[in-house]
């Protein structure tokens, strides 16, 4: 990267914490840690599993926030990255007997390569045209899984019978939640600090003005492809976590609707916010549970209307709302 993008450490820290839904500093992370430990120990297994799913979605949304929020590249291919990570982990664990954690580097590597391939059209395409290409990628995921039935299990899916987590001291679902929590916290931390890195600042310049990025000595094509590749890694890890949570993978779980839902979660949380990814993921998981009692024919309608209302009321997402509340509190306390 060009030296023109270098910053003092203090400025880098300020950028890294900007736009976050979560409290900044050690106190905020301690609160998050306490909540992450207490939740699986105090909730019923069903709620613990839902919480783990929300954490897996958080990791995926962090990747979407990177490629769309920072780099400004529209991507609807995230279900592809998630499916790839899920199936790589499931196949390696069930078919080849690998430990779950040993599959994660392979999932991440496969998703990184897939991100490069998906991001290649971004060199020449942008906006609506790039969205259509990535949408097409999401559409072909289930048919590919079905075609590779000998490896993936086809329409019947692939069950993971091998034990992937210990069952001592805590229940298996509690261990899974804590594993997902560690990866979600790491994803939030990495994305927040990435904003202040040379790579992150380059992506922000690219989003603002591609010509300006070239003037500063940056390579827009390389930045776009690398953004997709790194975003793919987040998606691949999220897929591995979903395979761990469900002990089952099937093509129905990775349709283009998953890409749409993750994009909605990113918008609800704040498309440029690291911590907002957690808020968006929680809404994605919680809303279906809250709307489940309205009747079978109205669940989808109520769910969709709720999302529209949230986006209209909080256009900048949970991160923007959190920042506005904090500003009000500071202004109120400062005026006294």
Protein backbone atom coordinates (compact mmCIF):
# COMPACT_ATOMS: atom_id res chain seq x y z
CA UNK A 1 0.00 0.00 0.00
CA UNK A 2 1.06 3.58 -0.53
CA UNK A 3 2.70 5.48 2.31
CA UNK A 4 0.03 8.14 1.80
CA UNK A 5 -2.34 5.83 3.65
CA UNK A 6 -0.19 5.50 6.73
CA UNK A 7 -1.50 6.95 10.01
CA UNK A 8 -0.34 7.43 13.57
CA UNK A 9 -1.38 4.65 15.95
CA UNK A 10 -3.89 6.88 17.71
CA UNK A 11 -5.71 7.65 14.48
CA UNK A 12 -5.68 3.99 13.53
CA UNK A 13 -7.30 3.05 16.83
CA UNK A 14 -9.97 5.67 16.42
CA UNK A 15 -10.82 4.37 12.97
CA UNK A 16 -10.89 0.79 14.20
CA UNK A 17 -13.44 1.50 16.88
CA UNK A 18 -15.59 3.76 14.72
CA UNK A 19 -19.00 2.53 13.66
CA UNK A 20 -19.14 -0.23 16.22
CA UNK A 21 -22.38 -1.35 17.84
CA UNK A 22 -20.49 -2.76 20.82
CA UNK A 23 -18.94 -0.69 23.62
CA UNK A 24 -15.32 0.12 22.80
CA UNK A 25 -12.36 -0.59 25.03
CA UNK A 26 -11.60 -3.31 27.54
CA UNK A 27 -14.83 -2.74 29.49
CA UNK A 28 -16.97 -3.42 26.44
CA UNK A 29 -15.14 -6.62 25.63
CA UNK A 30 -15.42 -7.78 29.25
CA UNK A 31 -19.19 -7.24 29.13
CA UNK A 32 -19.36 -9.22 25.88
CA UNK A 33 -17.23 -12.00 27.39
CA UNK A 34 -19.40 -12.23 30.50
CA UNK A 35 -22.57 -12.39 28.40
CA UNK A 36 -21.06 -15.03 26.13
CA UNK A 37 -20.16 -17.27 29.07
CA UNK A 38 -23.39 -16.74 31.01
CA UNK A 39 -25.81 -17.30 28.13
CA UNK A 40 -25.17 -21.02 27.46
CA UNK A 41 -25.01 -21.77 31.19
CA UNK A 42 -28.38 -20.20 31.97
CA UNK A 43 -30.51 -20.91 28.90
CA UNK A 44 -32.35 -24.00 27.66
CA UNK A 45 -30.67 -26.12 24.95
CA UNK A 46 -33.00 -24.77 22.24
CA UNK A 47 -32.07 -21.17 23.05
CA UNK A 48 -28.39 -22.09 23.22
CA UNK A 49 -28.58 -23.57 19.72
CA UNK A 50 -30.33 -20.45 18.38
CA UNK A 51 -27.64 -18.33 19.99
CA UNK A 52 -24.93 -20.40 18.32
CA UNK A 53 -26.63 -19.95 14.94
CA UNK A 54 -26.72 -16.18 15.51
CA UNK A 55 -22.98 -16.23 16.26
CA UNK A 56 -22.27 -18.18 13.06
CA UNK A 57 -24.32 -15.62 11.12
CA UNK A 58 -22.29 -12.89 12.81
CA UNK A 59 -19.09 -14.28 11.31
CA UNK A 60 -20.70 -14.43 7.84
CA UNK A 61 -22.08 -10.88 8.11
CA UNK A 62 -18.65 -9.58 9.12
CA UNK A 63 -17.39 -10.82 5.77
CA UNK A 64 -20.28 -9.15 3.99
CA UNK A 65 -19.60 -5.90 5.84
CA UNK A 66 -16.02 -6.07 4.57
CA UNK A 67 -16.77 -6.53 0.88
CA UNK A 68 -19.91 -4.37 0.73
CA UNK A 69 -19.56 -1.94 3.64
CA UNK A 70 -15.84 -1.15 3.27
CA UNK A 71 -15.06 -1.99 -0.36
CA UNK A 72 -18.45 -0.96 -1.77
CA UNK A 73 -18.78 -4.13 -3.88
CA UNK A 74 -22.29 -5.59 -4.06
CA UNK A 75 -22.16 -9.32 -3.32
CA UNK A 76 -25.02 -11.82 -3.25
CA UNK A 77 -22.71 -14.84 -3.37
CA UNK A 78 -22.24 -15.28 0.36
CA UNK A 79 -24.38 -18.41 0.50
CA UNK A 80 -21.77 -20.01 -1.79
CA UNK A 81 -18.95 -19.33 0.68
CA UNK A 82 -21.04 -20.54 3.62
CA UNK A 83 -22.04 -23.73 1.77
CA UNK A 84 -18.44 -24.41 0.77
CA UNK A 85 -17.19 -24.13 4.34
CA UNK A 86 -20.04 -26.26 5.68
CA UNK A 87 -19.55 -29.08 3.19
CA UNK A 88 -15.74 -29.08 3.46
CA UNK A 89 -15.94 -29.52 7.24
CA UNK A 90 -18.78 -32.06 7.06
CA UNK A 91 -17.02 -34.22 4.45
CA UNK A 92 -13.64 -34.12 6.17
CA UNK A 93 -15.14 -34.98 9.57
CA UNK A 94 -17.64 -37.63 8.50
CA UNK A 95 -15.89 -39.26 5.54
CA UNK A 96 -12.23 -38.91 6.46
CA UNK A 97 -12.45 -38.77 10.26
CA UNK A 98 -10.73 -35.41 10.68
CA UNK A 99 -11.12 -33.47 13.95
CA UNK A 100 -13.42 -30.49 13.46
CA UNK A 101 -10.77 -27.86 14.20
CA UNK A 102 -8.40 -29.42 11.66
CA UNK A 103 -11.00 -28.78 8.94
CA UNK A 104 -11.13 -25.02 9.54
CA UNK A 105 -7.91 -24.09 7.70
CA UNK A 106 -9.08 -26.17 4.73
CA UNK A 107 -12.52 -24.48 4.79
CA UNK A 108 -10.90 -21.06 5.03
CA UNK A 109 -8.44 -21.83 2.23
CA UNK A 110 -11.14 -23.20 -0.08
CA UNK A 111 -13.34 -20.17 0.59
CA UNK A 112 -10.40 -17.81 -0.03
CA UNK A 113 -9.79 -19.35 -3.46
CA UNK A 114 -13.53 -19.29 -4.19
CA UNK A 115 -13.57 -15.61 -3.20
CA UNK A 116 -10.85 -14.87 -5.73
CA UNK A 117 -12.87 -16.59 -8.47
CA UNK A 118 -16.10 -14.84 -7.51
CA UNK A 119 -14.33 -11.49 -7.17
CA UNK A 120 -12.62 -11.69 -10.56
CA UNK A 121 -15.65 -10.18 -12.42
CA UNK A 122 -15.43 -7.18 -10.06
CA UNK A 123 -12.34 -6.09 -12.00
CA UNK A 124 -14.55 -5.09 -14.95
CA UNK A 125 -18.06 -5.00 -13.44
CA UNK A 126 -19.67 -2.94 -10.71
CA UNK A 127 -23.05 -2.02 -9.28
CA UNK A 128 -26.07 -3.84 -10.72
CA UNK A 129 -24.00 -5.93 -13.15
CA UNK A 130 -21.76 -7.28 -10.39
CA UNK A 131 -24.83 -7.97 -8.24
CA UNK A 132 -26.35 -10.05 -11.06
CA UNK A 133 -23.15 -12.09 -11.46
CA UNK A 134 -22.86 -12.82 -7.74
CA UNK A 135 -26.59 -13.59 -7.63
CA UNK A 136 -26.06 -16.17 -10.38
CA UNK A 137 -23.29 -17.75 -8.28
CA UNK A 138 -25.70 -18.07 -5.35
CA UNK A 139 -28.34 -19.63 -7.61
CA UNK A 140 -26.10 -22.45 -8.82
CA UNK A 141 -25.01 -23.62 -5.36
CA UNK A 142 -27.88 -26.10 -4.66
CA UNK A 143 -27.76 -27.67 -8.17
CA UNK A 144 -24.00 -28.21 -7.83
CA UNK A 145 -24.48 -29.89 -4.45
CA UNK A 146 -27.15 -32.13 -5.97
CA UNK A 147 -24.89 -33.05 -8.90
CA UNK A 148 -22.09 -34.11 -6.54
CA UNK A 149 -24.34 -36.57 -4.71
CA UNK A 150 -21.60 -39.17 -4.25
CA UNK A 151 -19.63 -36.66 -2.15
CA UNK A 152 -22.28 -34.37 -0.67
CA UNK A 153 -25.18 -36.77 -0.12
CA UNK A 154 -27.29 -34.89 -2.67
CA UNK A 155 -30.82 -33.92 -1.69
CA UNK A 156 -30.70 -36.14 1.40
CA UNK A 157 -27.87 -34.11 2.83
CA UNK A 158 -24.92 -35.33 4.85
CA UNK A 159 -25.24 -36.23 8.52
CA UNK A 160 -22.23 -35.92 10.80
CA UNK A 161 -22.33 -38.83 13.23
CA UNK A 162 -18.83 -38.36 14.62
CA UNK A 163 -18.45 -36.45 17.86
CA UNK A 164 -16.91 -33.03 17.20
CA UNK A 165 -16.88 -31.49 20.68
CA UNK A 166 -16.24 -32.85 24.20
CA UNK A 167 -19.14 -33.76 26.46
CA UNK A 168 -17.40 -33.25 29.81
CA UNK A 169 -18.03 -30.39 32.25
CA UNK A 170 -20.78 -29.02 29.97
CA UNK A 171 -23.33 -30.24 27.46
CA UNK A 172 -22.27 -30.51 23.83
CA UNK A 173 -24.52 -27.60 22.82
CA UNK A 174 -22.86 -25.39 25.42
CA UNK A 175 -19.41 -26.24 24.09
CA UNK A 176 -20.60 -25.50 20.55
CA UNK A 177 -21.97 -22.12 21.63
CA UNK A 178 -18.67 -21.16 23.26
CA UNK A 179 -16.72 -22.22 20.17
CA UNK A 180 -19.03 -20.13 17.97
CA UNK A 181 -18.71 -17.25 20.44
CA UNK A 182 -14.91 -17.28 20.20
CA UNK A 183 -15.01 -17.16 16.41
CA UNK A 184 -17.69 -14.44 16.35
CA UNK A 185 -15.70 -12.28 18.80
CA UNK A 186 -12.55 -12.84 16.72
CA UNK A 187 -14.41 -11.88 13.51
CA UNK A 188 -15.73 -8.67 15.09
CA UNK A 189 -12.28 -7.79 16.45
CA UNK A 190 -10.54 -8.48 13.14
CA UNK A 191 -13.05 -6.48 11.11
CA UNK A 192 -12.96 -3.55 13.54
CA UNK A 193 -9.17 -3.39 13.39
CA UNK A 194 -9.09 -4.01 9.66
CA UNK A 195 -10.80 -0.67 9.14
CA UNK A 196 -7.69 1.12 10.43
CA UNK A 197 -5.17 -1.03 8.56
CA UNK A 198 -3.56 -0.06 5.25
CA UNK A 199 -5.77 -2.62 3.50
CA UNK A 200 -8.93 -1.31 5.17
CA UNK A 201 -8.12 2.32 4.40
CA UNK A 202 -7.41 1.32 0.82
CA UNK A 203 -10.85 -0.28 0.56
CA UNK A 204 -12.49 2.86 1.91
CA UNK A 205 -10.65 5.03 -0.62
CA UNK A 206 -11.69 2.57 -3.34
CA UNK A 207 -15.33 2.83 -2.30
CA UNK A 208 -15.22 6.63 -2.26
CA UNK A 209 -13.43 7.10 -5.59
CA UNK A 210 -11.67 4.47 -7.68
CA UNK A 211 -9.73 7.12 -9.61
CA UNK A 212 -8.47 8.60 -6.35
CA UNK A 213 -7.33 5.14 -5.29
CA UNK A 214 -5.28 4.82 -8.48
CA UNK A 215 -3.83 8.30 -7.91
CA UNK A 216 -2.64 7.19 -4.47
CA UNK A 217 -0.80 4.27 -6.02
CA UNK A 218 -3.34 1.61 -5.14
CA UNK A 219 -4.38 -1.24 -7.41
CA UNK A 220 -8.21 -1.22 -7.50
CA UNK A 221 -8.44 -4.62 -9.21
CA UNK A 222 -6.25 -6.27 -6.61
CA UNK A 223 -8.16 -4.62 -3.76
CA UNK A 224 -11.55 -5.75 -5.11
CA UNK A 225 -10.49 -9.36 -5.59
CA UNK A 226 -8.74 -9.48 -2.21
CA UNK A 227 -11.86 -8.05 -0.53
CA UNK A 228 -13.95 -10.88 -1.99
CA UNK A 229 -11.32 -13.44 -0.98
CA UNK A 230 -11.09 -12.29 2.64
CA UNK A 231 -14.88 -11.99 2.79
CA UNK A 232 -15.04 -15.57 1.56
CA UNK A 233 -12.88 -16.72 4.46
CA UNK A 234 -15.39 -15.26 6.92
CA UNK A 235 -18.20 -17.03 5.06
CA UNK A 236 -16.33 -20.34 4.96
CA UNK A 237 -15.68 -20.30 8.71
CA UNK A 238 -19.35 -19.45 9.30
CA UNK A 239 -20.35 -22.46 7.20
CA UNK A 240 -18.07 -24.74 9.22
CA UNK A 241 -19.69 -23.46 12.42
CA UNK A 242 -23.18 -24.15 11.02
CA UNK A 243 -22.10 -27.71 10.19
CA UNK A 244 -20.87 -28.06 13.77
CA UNK A 245 -24.11 -26.67 15.21
CA UNK A 246 -26.50 -28.78 13.13
CA UNK A 247 -24.35 -31.91 12.62
CA UNK A 248 -26.04 -31.95 9.23
CA UNK A 249 -25.68 -30.14 5.91
CA UNK A 250 -28.17 -30.09 3.03
CA UNK A 251 -28.57 -27.99 -0.15
CA UNK A 252 -31.85 -26.52 1.10
CA UNK A 253 -29.89 -24.62 3.76
CA UNK A 254 -27.75 -22.75 1.22
CA UNK A 255 -30.11 -21.27 -1.34
CA UNK A 256 -29.83 -17.68 -2.57
CA UNK A 257 -32.26 -16.71 0.22
CA UNK A 258 -29.41 -17.18 2.68
CA UNK A 259 -27.43 -14.52 0.79
CA UNK A 260 -30.43 -12.18 0.93
CA UNK A 261 -30.94 -12.78 4.66
CA UNK A 262 -27.27 -12.13 5.43
CA UNK A 263 -27.39 -8.90 3.44
CA UNK A 264 -30.53 -7.87 5.35
CA UNK A 265 -28.74 -8.68 8.62
CA UNK A 266 -25.79 -6.53 7.55
CA UNK A 267 -28.09 -3.59 6.78
CA UNK A 268 -30.01 -3.97 10.04
CA UNK A 269 -26.81 -4.06 12.07
CA UNK A 270 -25.07 -1.32 10.10
CA UNK A 271 -23.35 -2.18 6.83
CA UNK A 272 -20.06 -0.57 7.90
CA UNK A 273 -20.12 -1.72 11.50
CA UNK A 274 -18.15 -4.62 12.95
CA UNK A 275 -20.18 -4.98 16.13
CA UNK A 276 -23.39 -4.29 14.22
CA UNK A 277 -22.96 -7.68 12.57
CA UNK A 278 -23.89 -9.27 15.90
CA UNK A 279 -27.02 -7.12 16.22
CA UNK A 280 -28.10 -7.96 12.68
CA UNK A 281 -27.54 -11.68 13.24
CA UNK A 282 -29.58 -11.63 16.46
CA UNK A 283 -32.47 -9.97 14.61
CA UNK A 284 -32.31 -12.58 11.83
CA UNK A 285 -32.58 -15.42 14.35
CA UNK A 286 -34.99 -13.80 16.80
CA UNK A 287 -37.58 -12.41 14.37
CA UNK A 288 -38.82 -15.80 13.09
CA UNK A 289 -39.30 -16.92 16.70
CA UNK A 290 -41.25 -13.76 17.55
CA UNK A 291 -43.47 -13.98 14.47
CA UNK A 292 -44.09 -17.72 14.72
CA UNK A 293 -47.34 -17.29 16.63
CA UNK A 294 -49.19 -15.23 14.00
CA UNK A 295 -50.32 -18.26 12.00
CA UNK A 296 -48.64 -20.39 9.36
CA UNK A 297 -49.80 -18.33 6.40
CA UNK A 298 -48.64 -15.04 7.90
CA UNK A 299 -45.18 -15.91 9.22
CA UNK A 300 -43.33 -14.84 6.08
CA UNK A 301 -45.44 -11.70 5.67
CA UNK A 302 -44.95 -10.63 9.27
CA UNK A 303 -41.24 -11.39 9.12
CA UNK A 304 -40.81 -9.31 5.95
CA UNK A 305 -42.86 -6.40 7.29
CA UNK A 306 -40.88 -6.41 10.53
CA UNK A 307 -37.62 -6.15 8.59
CA UNK A 308 -38.99 -3.28 6.47
CA UNK A 309 -40.14 -1.40 9.59
CA UNK A 310 -36.76 -1.88 11.29
CA UNK A 311 -34.87 -0.59 8.25
CA UNK A 312 -37.23 2.43 7.90
CA UNK A 313 -37.01 3.32 11.58
CA UNK A 314 -33.26 2.74 11.87
CA UNK A 315 -31.83 3.47 8.40
CA UNK A 316 -28.23 3.48 9.66
CA UNK A 317 -28.70 0.18 11.45
CA UNK A 318 -28.16 -0.73 15.07
CA UNK A 319 -24.67 0.79 14.96
CA UNK A 320 -26.05 4.16 13.87
CA UNK A 321 -28.74 4.01 16.54
CA UNK A 322 -26.17 3.15 19.21
CA UNK A 323 -23.95 6.05 18.18
CA UNK A 324 -26.89 8.47 18.21
CA UNK A 325 -27.89 7.36 21.71
CA UNK A 326 -24.31 7.74 22.95
CA UNK A 327 -24.09 11.24 21.46
CA UNK A 328 -27.32 12.21 23.18
CA UNK A 329 -26.02 10.89 26.50
CA UNK A 330 -22.70 12.74 26.10
CA UNK A 331 -24.47 15.98 25.11
CA UNK A 332 -26.84 15.68 28.05
CA UNK A 333 -24.12 14.96 30.62
CA UNK A 334 -21.85 17.60 29.10
CA UNK A 335 -24.51 20.31 29.33
CA UNK A 336 -25.08 19.74 33.03
